[in-house]
Protein backbone atom coordinates (compact mmCIF):
# COMPACT_ATOMS: atom_id res chain seq x y z
CA MET A 1 73.75 248.63 178.37
CA ALA A 2 70.74 249.27 176.12
CA GLU A 3 68.30 247.77 178.64
CA ALA A 4 69.73 249.94 181.41
CA ALA A 5 69.31 253.03 179.23
CA VAL A 6 65.68 252.10 178.49
CA GLU A 7 65.03 251.74 182.21
CA LYS A 8 66.50 255.20 182.79
CA LEU A 9 64.24 256.63 180.10
CA ASN A 10 61.26 254.88 181.61
CA ALA A 11 61.99 256.19 185.11
CA LEU A 12 62.59 259.71 183.82
CA LEU A 13 59.34 259.73 181.85
CA TRP A 14 57.36 258.65 184.88
CA GLU A 15 58.81 261.46 186.95
CA ARG A 16 57.67 263.89 184.27
CA ILE A 17 54.22 262.34 183.90
CA ASP A 18 53.65 262.46 187.65
CA ALA A 19 54.77 266.10 187.79
CA PHE A 20 52.56 267.05 184.84
CA LEU A 21 49.50 265.32 186.31
CA ALA A 22 50.13 266.92 189.70
CA ARG A 23 50.28 270.37 188.10
CA SER A 24 47.10 269.62 186.16
CA ARG A 25 45.21 268.61 189.29
CA THR A 26 46.07 271.85 191.08
CA SER A 27 45.48 274.14 188.12
CA HIS A 28 42.15 275.34 186.78
CA GLY A 29 43.01 274.76 183.14
CA LEU A 30 41.23 272.76 180.48
CA TYR A 31 43.11 269.51 181.02
CA GLY A 32 42.74 269.45 184.79
CA ASP A 33 39.03 270.25 184.48
CA VAL A 34 38.35 267.46 181.98
CA VAL A 35 40.33 264.87 183.96
CA HIS A 36 38.46 265.90 187.13
CA ARG A 37 35.09 265.49 185.39
CA LEU A 38 36.11 262.07 184.08
CA ALA A 39 37.17 260.97 187.56
CA LEU A 40 33.86 262.10 189.08
CA ARG A 41 32.01 259.99 186.50
CA ARG A 42 34.32 257.01 187.06
CA ARG A 43 35.33 257.02 183.42
CA THR A 44 38.52 255.22 182.41
CA ALA A 45 40.78 257.53 180.40
CA VAL A 46 44.14 257.00 178.75
CA LEU A 47 46.65 259.72 177.88
CA PHE A 48 48.11 258.84 174.53
CA GLY A 49 50.56 259.86 171.83
CA GLY A 50 52.15 263.24 171.27
CA ALA A 51 51.84 264.65 174.79
CA LEU A 52 53.93 261.77 176.13
CA ARG A 53 56.48 262.38 173.39
CA ASP A 54 56.73 266.02 174.45
CA LEU A 55 57.12 265.11 178.12
CA MET A 56 59.90 262.69 177.22
CA ALA A 57 61.72 265.18 174.99
CA SER A 58 61.23 268.59 176.53
CA GLY A 59 62.12 268.35 180.20
CA GLU A 60 60.40 268.12 183.56
CA LYS A 61 58.59 271.45 183.16
CA ALA A 62 57.15 270.61 179.73
CA GLU A 63 53.53 271.68 179.28
CA PRO A 64 52.01 269.82 176.31
CA ARG A 65 49.33 271.94 174.67
CA ASP A 66 47.79 269.24 172.46
CA LEU A 67 46.53 266.22 174.37
CA ASP A 68 44.90 262.99 173.22
CA LEU A 69 42.57 261.19 175.63
CA VAL A 70 40.94 257.86 174.83
CA LEU A 71 37.87 256.87 176.85
CA ASP A 72 36.34 253.51 177.71
CA SER A 73 32.81 254.51 176.65
CA PRO A 74 31.00 256.93 174.31
CA LEU A 75 31.52 260.64 174.78
CA GLY A 76 29.05 262.66 176.81
CA ASP A 77 28.01 266.29 176.55
CA ASP A 78 29.08 267.10 180.10
CA LEU A 79 32.88 266.97 179.74
CA PRO A 80 33.76 270.53 178.71
CA GLY A 81 33.30 273.39 181.12
CA ALA A 82 31.71 276.73 180.32
CA GLY A 83 33.45 278.81 177.67
CA VAL A 84 35.29 275.85 176.11
CA GLU A 85 35.12 275.48 172.35
CA ASN A 86 33.64 272.06 171.65
CA ARG A 87 33.21 270.37 168.27
CA PHE A 88 33.00 266.86 166.85
CA ASN A 89 35.45 265.53 164.30
CA ARG A 90 34.91 263.13 161.41
CA PHE A 91 36.26 260.12 163.32
CA GLY A 92 33.60 260.18 166.02
CA GLY A 93 35.69 262.06 168.54
CA ARG A 94 35.50 265.53 170.00
CA ARG A 95 37.95 268.41 170.15
CA LEU A 96 37.93 270.78 173.10
CA LYS A 97 39.82 274.05 172.91
CA ASP A 98 40.47 276.72 175.49
CA GLY A 99 42.97 279.35 174.41
CA GLU A 100 46.21 277.64 173.38
CA TYR A 101 45.22 274.27 174.83
CA GLU A 102 43.44 271.53 172.89
CA ILE A 103 42.21 268.08 173.86
CA ASP A 104 41.13 265.44 171.38
CA LEU A 105 38.89 262.83 172.97
CA TRP A 106 37.43 259.71 171.43
CA PRO A 107 35.98 256.39 172.62
CA LEU A 108 38.34 253.42 172.44
CA ALA A 109 36.05 251.56 170.04
CA ARG A 110 36.35 254.41 167.52
CA THR A 111 40.15 254.16 167.25
CA TRP A 112 40.64 254.09 163.48
CA ALA A 113 43.19 251.26 163.32
CA PHE A 114 40.96 248.97 165.40
CA HIS A 115 37.86 249.08 163.23
CA ALA A 116 39.50 249.81 159.85
CA LEU A 117 42.44 247.39 160.08
CA GLY A 118 41.29 244.93 162.72
CA ILE A 119 44.42 245.45 164.80
CA GLY A 120 44.66 243.78 168.18
CA SER A 121 41.85 243.07 170.61
CA ARG A 122 40.53 246.65 170.73
CA ASP A 123 41.87 246.95 174.24
CA PHE A 124 43.67 249.94 175.77
CA THR A 125 46.89 247.92 175.83
CA ASP A 126 46.84 247.78 172.02
CA LEU A 127 46.73 251.57 171.57
CA PRO A 128 50.53 251.93 171.16
CA ARG A 129 50.30 249.69 168.10
CA THR A 130 48.03 252.19 166.32
CA THR A 131 50.22 255.31 166.12
CA PHE A 132 51.91 256.33 162.89
CA LEU A 133 55.22 257.22 164.60
CA ASN A 134 57.29 255.19 167.05
CA VAL A 135 57.95 258.22 169.28
CA GLU A 136 54.20 258.49 169.97
CA ALA A 137 53.60 254.78 170.61
CA LEU A 138 52.83 254.96 174.32
CA ALA A 139 49.66 255.08 176.41
CA VAL A 140 49.19 255.86 180.10
CA ARG A 141 46.07 255.04 182.09
CA LEU A 142 45.01 257.98 184.26
CA GLY A 143 43.72 257.64 187.77
CA ALA A 144 44.78 257.99 191.38
CA SER A 145 48.12 256.59 190.24
CA ALA A 146 48.84 256.70 186.53
CA ARG A 147 50.36 253.59 185.02
CA ARG A 148 51.87 252.65 181.71
CA LEU A 149 50.06 250.24 179.41
CA GLY A 150 52.15 247.53 177.77
CA PRO A 151 53.44 245.40 176.24
CA TRP A 152 53.57 247.33 172.96
CA ASP A 153 55.56 250.36 174.12
CA GLU A 154 59.11 249.23 173.38
CA ALA A 155 59.12 251.14 170.08
CA PHE A 156 58.61 254.41 171.97
CA PHE A 157 61.64 254.02 174.22
CA ARG A 158 63.81 252.56 171.45
CA GLY A 159 63.02 255.59 169.31
CA PHE A 160 64.36 257.93 171.97
CA LEU A 161 67.30 255.71 172.82
CA ASP A 162 68.32 255.44 169.14
CA ARG A 163 67.32 259.07 168.49
CA MET A 164 65.40 257.96 165.43
CA VAL A 165 61.84 258.70 164.28
CA GLU A 166 60.40 255.76 162.35
CA VAL A 167 57.06 254.44 161.11
CA ASN A 168 55.20 252.41 163.73
CA LEU A 169 52.01 251.70 161.72
CA GLU A 170 51.95 252.89 158.12
CA ASP A 171 48.24 252.59 157.33
CA ASN A 172 46.57 255.91 158.09
CA PRO A 173 43.56 257.80 156.70
CA ASN A 174 45.48 261.10 156.56
CA PRO A 175 48.82 260.69 154.72
CA LEU A 176 49.31 264.45 154.28
CA GLY A 177 48.97 264.93 158.02
CA CYS A 178 51.38 262.07 158.65
CA VAL A 179 53.97 263.67 156.37
CA VAL A 180 53.74 267.08 158.00
CA ARG A 181 53.68 265.80 161.58
CA SER A 182 56.61 263.49 160.85
CA LEU A 183 58.70 266.30 159.41
CA VAL A 184 57.86 268.71 162.22
CA THR A 185 58.39 266.08 164.94
CA THR A 186 61.76 265.01 163.55
CA HIS A 187 62.77 268.66 163.13
CA LYS A 188 61.87 269.51 166.73
CA LEU A 189 63.56 266.45 168.19
CA GLY A 190 66.63 266.76 165.99
CA PHE A 191 66.63 263.00 165.49
CA SER A 192 67.45 260.90 162.45
CA MET A 193 64.63 259.54 160.31
CA GLY A 194 64.32 255.79 159.81
CA PRO A 195 64.34 254.12 156.37
CA LYS A 196 60.61 253.31 156.32
CA LEU A 197 59.70 256.89 157.18
CA VAL A 198 62.07 258.32 154.57
CA SER A 199 60.43 256.17 151.89
CA TYR A 200 56.97 257.21 153.08
CA ILE A 201 57.89 260.90 152.95
CA HIS A 202 59.27 260.46 149.44
CA ARG A 203 56.15 258.67 148.14
CA HIS A 204 53.77 261.26 149.50
CA THR A 205 55.71 264.41 148.58
CA ARG A 206 56.92 263.43 145.11
CA GLY A 207 55.03 265.60 142.63
CA ARG A 208 52.92 267.21 145.37
CA ASP A 209 52.49 270.97 145.63
CA LEU A 210 54.43 271.79 148.80
CA GLU A 211 52.05 274.65 149.52
CA GLU A 212 49.70 271.93 150.78
CA LEU A 213 52.21 271.11 153.50
CA VAL A 214 52.56 274.78 154.40
CA ASN A 215 48.78 275.21 154.59
CA PHE A 216 48.44 272.11 156.75
CA GLN A 217 50.95 273.53 159.24
CA THR A 218 48.97 276.75 159.49
CA LEU A 219 45.75 274.86 160.15
CA HIS A 220 47.23 272.32 162.56
CA TYR A 221 49.86 274.35 164.44
CA GLY A 222 48.61 277.90 163.90
CA ARG A 223 51.94 278.82 162.33
CA VAL A 224 54.45 277.65 159.73
CA ILE A 225 57.33 275.71 161.29
CA LEU A 226 58.91 274.45 158.06
CA PRO A 227 58.54 277.11 155.33
CA LEU A 228 58.20 276.37 151.64
CA GLY A 229 61.89 276.81 150.83
CA GLN A 230 62.99 274.45 153.58
CA LEU A 231 60.42 271.86 152.53
CA ALA A 232 61.83 271.96 149.00
CA VAL A 233 65.35 271.40 150.35
CA ILE A 234 64.14 268.49 152.48
CA ARG A 235 62.31 266.86 149.57
CA THR A 236 65.44 267.04 147.42
CA ALA A 237 67.60 265.69 150.26
CA VAL A 238 65.18 262.78 150.77
CA ARG A 239 65.25 261.92 147.07
CA ASP A 240 69.06 262.03 146.95
CA HIS A 241 69.33 259.96 150.11
CA LEU A 242 67.13 257.20 148.69
CA ARG A 243 69.22 257.08 145.53
CA THR A 244 72.46 256.48 147.42
CA CYS A 245 71.73 254.78 150.77
CA ARG A 246 68.10 253.66 150.95
CA SER A 247 68.54 251.42 153.99
CA ALA A 248 70.46 253.95 156.12
CA PRO A 249 68.96 256.53 158.51
CA PHE A 250 68.34 260.00 157.08
CA ARG A 251 70.34 262.43 159.21
CA TYR A 252 69.28 265.80 157.79
CA PHE A 253 67.35 266.76 160.91
CA ALA A 254 70.11 265.57 163.24
CA ALA A 255 72.29 268.24 161.61
CA HIS A 256 69.66 270.96 161.10
CA GLY A 257 66.90 270.29 163.65
CA THR A 258 65.83 272.35 166.63
CA HIS A 259 68.08 270.34 168.96
CA ARG A 260 71.10 272.22 167.62
CA ARG A 261 69.96 275.11 169.81
CA VAL A 262 69.12 273.22 173.00
CA SER A 263 71.03 273.74 176.21
CA ALA A 264 74.21 271.95 177.24
CA VAL A 265 72.22 270.51 180.16
CA ARG A 266 69.92 268.62 177.82
CA GLU A 267 72.82 267.36 175.73
CA GLU A 268 74.49 266.08 178.90
CA TRP A 269 71.25 264.29 179.80
CA TRP A 270 71.34 262.39 176.49
CA ARG A 271 74.97 261.46 176.99
CA ARG A 272 74.26 260.01 180.43
CA LEU A 273 71.50 257.83 179.01
CA VAL A 274 73.64 256.19 176.37
């Protein structure tokens, strides 16, 4: 039963990826332009992380606005078109921005977990092992026909099947960012939070000024999704949960997350899968 549900998820995701890539090729937006330039230069590129999560979660017409692309060779200066904001980041990558759309690009060899932790063989197939969250642990090679990179992508599909956000790889150079993105992601999905992630959230919010989390949201998302008061409630709920049932999933977001307002169609879709 579980394997059949995973296969349904897999098939559904590929329909959505194909539709998204087709729309990108026919549009004149930032993503389509960059992918076209990469193809002309015969560069290998992999779509990675949060955009695939959004396509899985948000329906066939989802339009991810923040995209991660990993390249097989160093970045060049000829990728962004005219009028595109273009700046380097501290990890050796580059961020392109055009209106509401952003693309983070970096060469495969500069993937933090590869050179800092020595994970895997530094191959594209190892990318899913490097994400902080399970629901972002997927990579897709772009080209004439996009294809999934395995074998490390089971955590991604299991996360959606179990409706649980959990730590995939804990080591990360930006724990504050991990905390905020984990909270926002779990809130938007309306999933439960796994035991390892609950403990991580507790360690990195205990005694911390929650204004830091609010400020990070403003910088990263351009708005506050989880305000100060709600963050305080969540921190208390996390602490109480760990005192009483440390090994159990944390279901606060399953009761209060964005999914409480989704359509009956989407709820029926989940029921068919399981």
